[in-house]
Amino acid sequence: MSLKIEELKKKIIYRSSYRGNKEMDIILKSFIREYIDKLTDDELTVLYDFLDIDDDTLYKFKNGLKTNHKIPKNRITQLFKNFNIN
């Protein structure tokens, strides 16, 4: 695995852990821990971009509520929507 991918993974882990909203910190940190080593390089890039979405929008999306933000349909968003914390 390249250094670039390892650096991207570190950024993803950091961005998922320090969001400002404790509930989303917990959800995203658990989600990332579950999937980060199972994703392709392209999916990691999509995940990194996904983390740009604000906490309120992600929370609403996760819980099937209406949002003002259009969430793209892809493998990452589907995994996140269906993810359950154990």
Protein backbone atom coordinates (compact mmCIF):
# COMPACT_ATOMS: atom_id res chain seq x y z
CA MET A 1 0.00 0.00 0.00
CA SER A 2 1.36 3.37 -0.94
CA LEU A 3 2.27 6.12 1.47
CA LYS A 4 -0.33 8.34 -0.21
CA ILE A 5 -3.13 5.92 0.69
CA GLU A 6 -1.90 5.56 4.27
CA GLU A 7 -1.86 9.35 4.57
CA LEU A 8 -5.40 9.52 3.20
CA LYS A 9 -6.54 6.92 5.72
CA LYS A 10 -5.03 8.93 8.57
CA LYS A 11 -6.84 12.06 7.37
CA ILE A 12 -10.12 10.14 7.14
CA ILE A 13 -9.70 8.76 10.65
CA TYR A 14 -8.95 12.21 12.02
CA ARG A 15 -11.84 13.91 10.19
CA SER A 16 -14.27 11.25 11.34
CA SER A 17 -13.22 11.55 14.98
CA TYR A 18 -13.27 15.31 15.52
CA ARG A 19 -16.47 16.58 13.95
CA GLY A 20 -17.82 18.80 16.70
CA ASN A 21 -20.98 16.76 17.26
CA LYS A 22 -20.27 13.93 19.70
CA GLU A 23 -23.01 11.68 18.30
CA MET A 24 -21.61 11.92 14.76
CA ASP A 25 -18.08 11.43 16.13
CA ILE A 26 -19.20 8.10 17.57
CA ILE A 27 -21.15 6.99 14.49
CA LEU A 28 -18.50 7.99 11.97
CA LYS A 29 -15.58 6.69 14.01
CA SER A 30 -17.28 3.29 14.30
CA PHE A 31 -18.17 3.30 10.61
CA ILE A 32 -14.62 4.18 9.58
CA ARG A 33 -13.13 1.57 11.89
CA GLU A 34 -15.36 -1.08 10.29
CA TYR A 35 -14.71 -0.22 6.64
CA ILE A 36 -11.47 1.72 6.14
CA ASP A 37 -9.35 -1.34 5.36
CA LYS A 38 -12.03 -2.89 3.14
CA LEU A 39 -12.33 0.02 0.69
CA THR A 40 -10.55 0.53 -2.62
CA ASP A 41 -8.36 3.57 -3.21
CA ASP A 42 -11.16 5.22 -5.20
CA GLU A 43 -13.69 4.50 -2.46
CA LEU A 44 -11.36 6.06 0.11
CA THR A 45 -11.33 9.23 -1.97
CA VAL A 46 -15.14 9.19 -2.12
CA LEU A 47 -15.24 8.65 1.65
CA TYR A 48 -12.88 11.58 2.22
CA ASP A 49 -15.20 13.82 0.17
CA PHE A 50 -18.25 12.39 1.98
CA LEU A 51 -16.80 13.67 5.26
CA ASP A 52 -17.16 17.24 3.93
CA ILE A 53 -20.92 16.97 4.51
CA ASP A 54 -22.02 18.66 7.71
CA ASP A 55 -23.07 16.64 10.78
CA ASP A 56 -26.73 17.67 10.70
CA THR A 57 -27.11 16.54 7.10
CA LEU A 58 -25.29 13.25 7.74
CA TYR A 59 -27.44 12.57 10.81
CA LYS A 60 -30.65 13.22 8.86
CA PHE A 61 -29.44 11.09 5.95
CA LYS A 62 -28.48 8.23 8.28
CA ASN A 63 -31.90 8.32 9.91
CA GLY A 64 -33.90 8.62 6.70
CA LEU A 65 -34.96 12.22 7.28
CA LYS A 66 -35.28 14.87 4.58
CA THR A 67 -32.18 17.00 4.00
CA ASN A 68 -31.51 20.12 1.96
CA HIS A 69 -28.25 18.59 0.75
CA LYS A 70 -28.23 16.11 -2.12
CA ILE A 71 -26.31 13.04 -1.00
CA PRO A 72 -24.78 11.15 -3.95
CA LYS A 73 -25.74 7.52 -4.33
CA ASN A 74 -22.66 5.34 -4.22
CA ARG A 75 -21.26 2.42 -2.27
CA ILE A 76 -19.97 4.64 0.56
CA THR A 77 -23.30 6.37 1.17
CA GLN A 78 -25.15 3.06 1.06
CA LEU A 79 -22.72 1.45 3.51
CA PHE A 80 -23.09 4.45 5.83
CA LYS A 81 -26.88 4.51 5.61
CA ASN A 82 -27.09 0.78 6.42
CA PHE A 83 -24.36 0.78 9.07
CA ASN A 84 -25.36 -0.23 12.60
CA ILE A 85 -23.10 0.32 15.57
CA ASN A 86 -22.56 -2.94 17.42
